[in-house]
C-alpha cells in the first residue's frame, strides 16, 4: 500500500510542475529599456552621493566604533575631514580620474542616444 501513495505523490508532483511550466510560458514577455551611457553615469553619481551621505551618518552615530575604525585607517585625518563633510577624494585622485576619463582610447563607448530594448521571460 505505501508504494501506491508514493506513486500518487509523484504523479501529483509532476502534474503541479507541468501546470507551473505552462503558466510560466504563457506569461507575456516584459519589455525593459537599458540605460544610455549618460543615464548610467548620472545614476552612478546620484547613488554614490546617497551612499556617502549614509556612510557619514553611520560614522557619526553611536553604532560606529570610532576608535576601532580610526585604528585601522591609513589616514585618520582624511577620514575625520570626510566625516566633517569634505570630499572623499583628494585633488590628485580627482585629477587622475579626469585624465583617465578624458582618454577616450581607453574607454569603449557607444552612441549615448542609442538605446536597445530587451525582453525578459520573467521579472528581474
C-alpha atoms as a PDB file:
ATOM      1  CA  UNK A   1       0.000   0.000   0.000  1.00  0.00           C
ATOM      2  CA  UNK A   2       2.768   2.556   0.758  1.00  0.00           C
ATOM      3  CA  UNK A   3       4.027   2.223  -2.826  1.00  0.00           C
ATOM      4  CA  UNK A   4       0.693   3.493  -4.181  1.00  0.00           C
ATOM      5  CA  UNK A   5       0.872   6.591  -2.006  1.00  0.00           C
ATOM      6  CA  UNK A   6       4.379   7.274  -3.270  1.00  0.00           C
ATOM      7  CA  UNK A   7       3.234   6.845  -6.876  1.00  0.00           C
ATOM      8  CA  UNK A   8       0.281   9.142  -6.272  1.00  0.00           C
ATOM      9  CA  UNK A   9       2.548  11.746  -4.699  1.00  0.00           C
ATOM     10  CA  UNK A  10       4.913  11.531  -7.676  1.00  0.00           C
ATOM     11  CA  UNK A  11       2.011  11.899 -10.114  1.00  0.00           C
ATOM     12  CA  UNK A  12       0.684  14.945  -8.258  1.00  0.00           C
ATOM     13  CA  UNK A  13       4.173  16.475  -8.171  1.00  0.00           C
ATOM     14  CA  UNK A  14       4.623  16.004 -11.932  1.00  0.00           C
ATOM     15  CA  UNK A  15       1.153  17.435 -12.572  1.00  0.00           C
ATOM     16  CA  UNK A  16       1.886  20.546 -10.490  1.00  0.00           C
ATOM     17  CA  UNK A  17       5.255  21.043 -12.180  1.00  0.00           C
ATOM     18  CA  UNK A  18       3.597  20.753 -15.593  1.00  0.00           C
ATOM     19  CA  UNK A  19       0.930  23.306 -14.685  1.00  0.00           C
ATOM     20  CA  UNK A  20       3.615  25.679 -13.355  1.00  0.00           C
ATOM     21  CA  UNK A  21       5.635  25.302 -16.551  1.00  0.00           C
ATOM     22  CA  UNK A  22       2.597  26.109 -18.687  1.00  0.00           C
ATOM     23  CA  UNK A  23       1.781  29.180 -16.580  1.00  0.00           C
ATOM     24  CA  UNK A  24       5.355  30.478 -16.803  1.00  0.00           C
ATOM     25  CA  UNK A  25       5.461  30.004 -20.566  1.00  0.00           C
ATOM     26  CA  UNK A  26       2.142  31.806 -21.116  1.00  0.00           C
ATOM     27  CA  UNK A  27       3.205  34.943 -19.220  1.00  0.00           C
ATOM     28  CA  UNK A  28       3.809  37.806 -21.677  1.00  0.00           C
ATOM     29  CA  UNK A  29       7.408  38.922 -22.073  1.00  0.00           C
ATOM     30  CA  UNK A  30       8.317  42.056 -20.154  1.00  0.00           C
ATOM     31  CA  UNK A  31       9.977  44.764 -22.227  1.00  0.00           C
ATOM     32  CA  UNK A  32      12.757  46.649 -20.467  1.00  0.00           C
ATOM     33  CA  UNK A  33      14.813  49.607 -21.620  1.00  0.00           C
ATOM     34  CA  UNK A  34      18.505  49.753 -20.870  1.00  0.00           C
ATOM     35  CA  UNK A  35      20.102  52.970 -19.664  1.00  0.00           C
ATOM     36  CA  UNK A  36      22.140  55.109 -22.015  1.00  0.00           C
ATOM     37  CA  UNK A  37      25.750  55.794 -21.022  1.00  0.00           C
ATOM     38  CA  UNK A  38      24.760  59.284 -19.869  1.00  0.00           C
ATOM     39  CA  UNK A  39      21.868  57.953 -17.748  1.00  0.00           C
ATOM     40  CA  UNK A  40      24.164  55.276 -16.302  1.00  0.00           C
ATOM     41  CA  UNK A  41      26.779  57.843 -15.263  1.00  0.00           C
ATOM     42  CA  UNK A  42      24.129  60.133 -13.745  1.00  0.00           C
ATOM     43  CA  UNK A  43      22.568  57.273 -11.780  1.00  0.00           C
ATOM     44  CA  UNK A  44      26.027  56.273 -10.554  1.00  0.00           C
ATOM     45  CA  UNK A  45      26.731  59.830  -9.391  1.00  0.00           C
ATOM     46  CA  UNK A  46      23.400  60.082  -7.549  1.00  0.00           C
ATOM     47  CA  UNK A  47      23.742  56.668  -5.879  1.00  0.00           C
ATOM     48  CA  UNK A  48      27.337  57.404  -4.853  1.00  0.00           C
ATOM     49  CA  UNK A  49      26.264  60.661  -3.204  1.00  0.00           C
ATOM     50  CA  UNK A  50      23.494  58.822  -1.333  1.00  0.00           C
ATOM     51  CA  UNK A  51      25.856  56.075  -0.167  1.00  0.00           C
ATOM     52  CA  UNK A  52      28.476  58.588   1.006  1.00  0.00           C
ATOM     53  CA  UNK A  53      25.816  60.508   2.962  1.00  0.00           C
ATOM     54  CA  UNK A  54      24.657  57.262   4.601  1.00  0.00           C
ATOM     55  CA  UNK A  55      28.272  56.366   5.443  1.00  0.00           C
ATOM     56  CA  UNK A  56      28.855  59.784   7.036  1.00  0.00           C
ATOM     57  CA  UNK A  57      25.648  59.438   9.028  1.00  0.00           C
ATOM     58  CA  UNK A  58      26.610  55.953  10.238  1.00  0.00           C
ATOM     59  CA  UNK A  59      30.133  57.031  11.201  1.00  0.00           C
ATOM     60  CA  UNK A  60      28.670  59.871  13.271  1.00  0.00           C
ATOM     61  CA  UNK A  61      26.194  57.564  15.011  1.00  0.00           C
ATOM     62  CA  UNK A  62      26.777  55.748  18.309  1.00  0.00           C
ATOM     63  CA  UNK A  63      26.632  52.427  16.397  1.00  0.00           C
ATOM     64  CA  UNK A  64      30.053  53.118  14.873  1.00  0.00           C
ATOM     65  CA  UNK A  65      33.070  52.201  16.975  1.00  0.00           C
ATOM     66  CA  UNK A  66      35.167  55.252  16.070  1.00  0.00           C
ATOM     67  CA  UNK A  67      38.363  54.167  17.822  1.00  0.00           C
ATOM     68  CA  UNK A  68      38.372  50.778  16.153  1.00  0.00           C
ATOM     69  CA  UNK A  69      37.689  52.360  12.759  1.00  0.00           C
ATOM     70  CA  UNK A  70      40.378  55.032  13.127  1.00  0.00           C
ATOM     71  CA  UNK A  71      42.955  52.477  14.300  1.00  0.00           C
ATOM     72  CA  UNK A  72      42.602  50.598  11.001  1.00  0.00           C
ATOM     73  CA  UNK A  73      42.941  53.634   8.736  1.00  0.00           C
ATOM     74  CA  UNK A  74      45.997  54.732   6.826  1.00  0.00           C
ATOM     75  CA  UNK A  75      44.951  58.384   7.112  1.00  0.00           C
ATOM     76  CA  UNK A  76      42.751  59.139  10.146  1.00  0.00           C
ATOM     77  CA  UNK A  77      42.880  62.894   9.416  1.00  0.00           C
ATOM     78  CA  UNK A  78      41.426  62.323   5.955  1.00  0.00           C
ATOM     79  CA  UNK A  79      38.666  60.184   7.464  1.00  0.00           C
ATOM     80  CA  UNK A  80      37.865  62.887  10.024  1.00  0.00           C
ATOM     81  CA  UNK A  81      37.603  65.532   7.312  1.00  0.00           C
ATOM     82  CA  UNK A  82      35.338  63.217   5.282  1.00  0.00           C
ATOM     83  CA  UNK A  83      33.037  62.768   8.289  1.00  0.00           C
ATOM     84  CA  UNK A  84      33.006  66.551   8.737  1.00  0.00           C
ATOM     85  CA  UNK A  85      31.732  66.959   5.171  1.00  0.00           C
ATOM     86  CA  UNK A  86      34.825  67.162   2.969  1.00  0.00           C
ATOM     87  CA  UNK A  87      35.159  65.201  -0.244  1.00  0.00           C
ATOM     88  CA  UNK A  88      36.063  61.536  -0.073  1.00  0.00           C
ATOM     89  CA  UNK A  89      38.580  62.118  -2.884  1.00  0.00           C
ATOM     90  CA  UNK A  90      41.818  64.069  -2.858  1.00  0.00           C
ATOM     91  CA  UNK A  91      42.582  66.600  -5.590  1.00  0.00           C
ATOM     92  CA  UNK A  92      45.210  64.203  -7.007  1.00  0.00           C
ATOM     93  CA  UNK A  93      42.661  61.365  -7.196  1.00  0.00           C
ATOM     94  CA  UNK A  94      40.207  63.654  -8.987  1.00  0.00           C
ATOM     95  CA  UNK A  95      42.910  64.822 -11.430  1.00  0.00           C
ATOM     96  CA  UNK A  96      43.954  61.235 -12.235  1.00  0.00           C
ATOM     97  CA  UNK A  97      40.328  60.191 -12.730  1.00  0.00           C
ATOM     98  CA  UNK A  98      39.691  63.146 -15.044  1.00  0.00           C
ATOM     99  CA  UNK A  99      42.799  62.326 -17.083  1.00  0.00           C
ATOM    100  CA  UNK A 100      41.723  58.709 -17.468  1.00  0.00           C
ATOM    101  CA  UNK A 101      38.148  59.704 -18.294  1.00  0.00           C
ATOM    102  CA  UNK A 102      39.317  62.140 -20.968  1.00  0.00           C
ATOM    103  CA  UNK A 103      41.449  59.498 -22.679  1.00  0.00           C
ATOM    104  CA  UNK A 104      38.790  58.070 -24.991  1.00  0.00           C
ATOM    105  CA  UNK A 105      41.154  55.429 -26.353  1.00  0.00           C
ATOM    106  CA  UNK A 106      40.891  53.607 -23.001  1.00  0.00           C
ATOM    107  CA  UNK A 107      37.103  53.682 -22.903  1.00  0.00           C
ATOM    108  CA  UNK A 108      34.954  51.929 -25.456  1.00  0.00           C
ATOM    109  CA  UNK A 109      31.737  53.898 -25.824  1.00  0.00           C
ATOM    110  CA  UNK A 110      28.630  53.552 -27.911  1.00  0.00           C
ATOM    111  CA  UNK A 111      26.420  56.354 -29.092  1.00  0.00           C
ATOM    112  CA  UNK A 112      24.714  57.710 -25.923  1.00  0.00           C
ATOM    113  CA  UNK A 113      21.480  58.372 -27.772  1.00  0.00           C
ATOM    114  CA  UNK A 114      21.185  54.774 -28.923  1.00  0.00           C
ATOM    115  CA  UNK A 115      19.139  52.559 -26.647  1.00  0.00           C
ATOM    116  CA  UNK A 116      18.241  48.908 -27.061  1.00  0.00           C
ATOM    117  CA  UNK A 117      15.138  47.174 -25.769  1.00  0.00           C
ATOM    118  CA  UNK A 118      15.397  43.686 -24.337  1.00  0.00           C
ATOM    119  CA  UNK A 119      12.757  41.205 -23.289  1.00  0.00           C
ATOM    120  CA  UNK A 120      12.791  39.148 -20.133  1.00  0.00           C
ATOM    121  CA  UNK A 121      10.861  35.945 -19.739  1.00  0.00           C
ATOM    122  CA  UNK A 122      10.500  36.552 -16.021  1.00  0.00           C
ATOM    123  CA  UNK A 123      10.616  39.647 -13.848  1.00  0.00           C
ATOM    124  CA  UNK A 124      14.049  40.686 -12.571  1.00  0.00           C
END
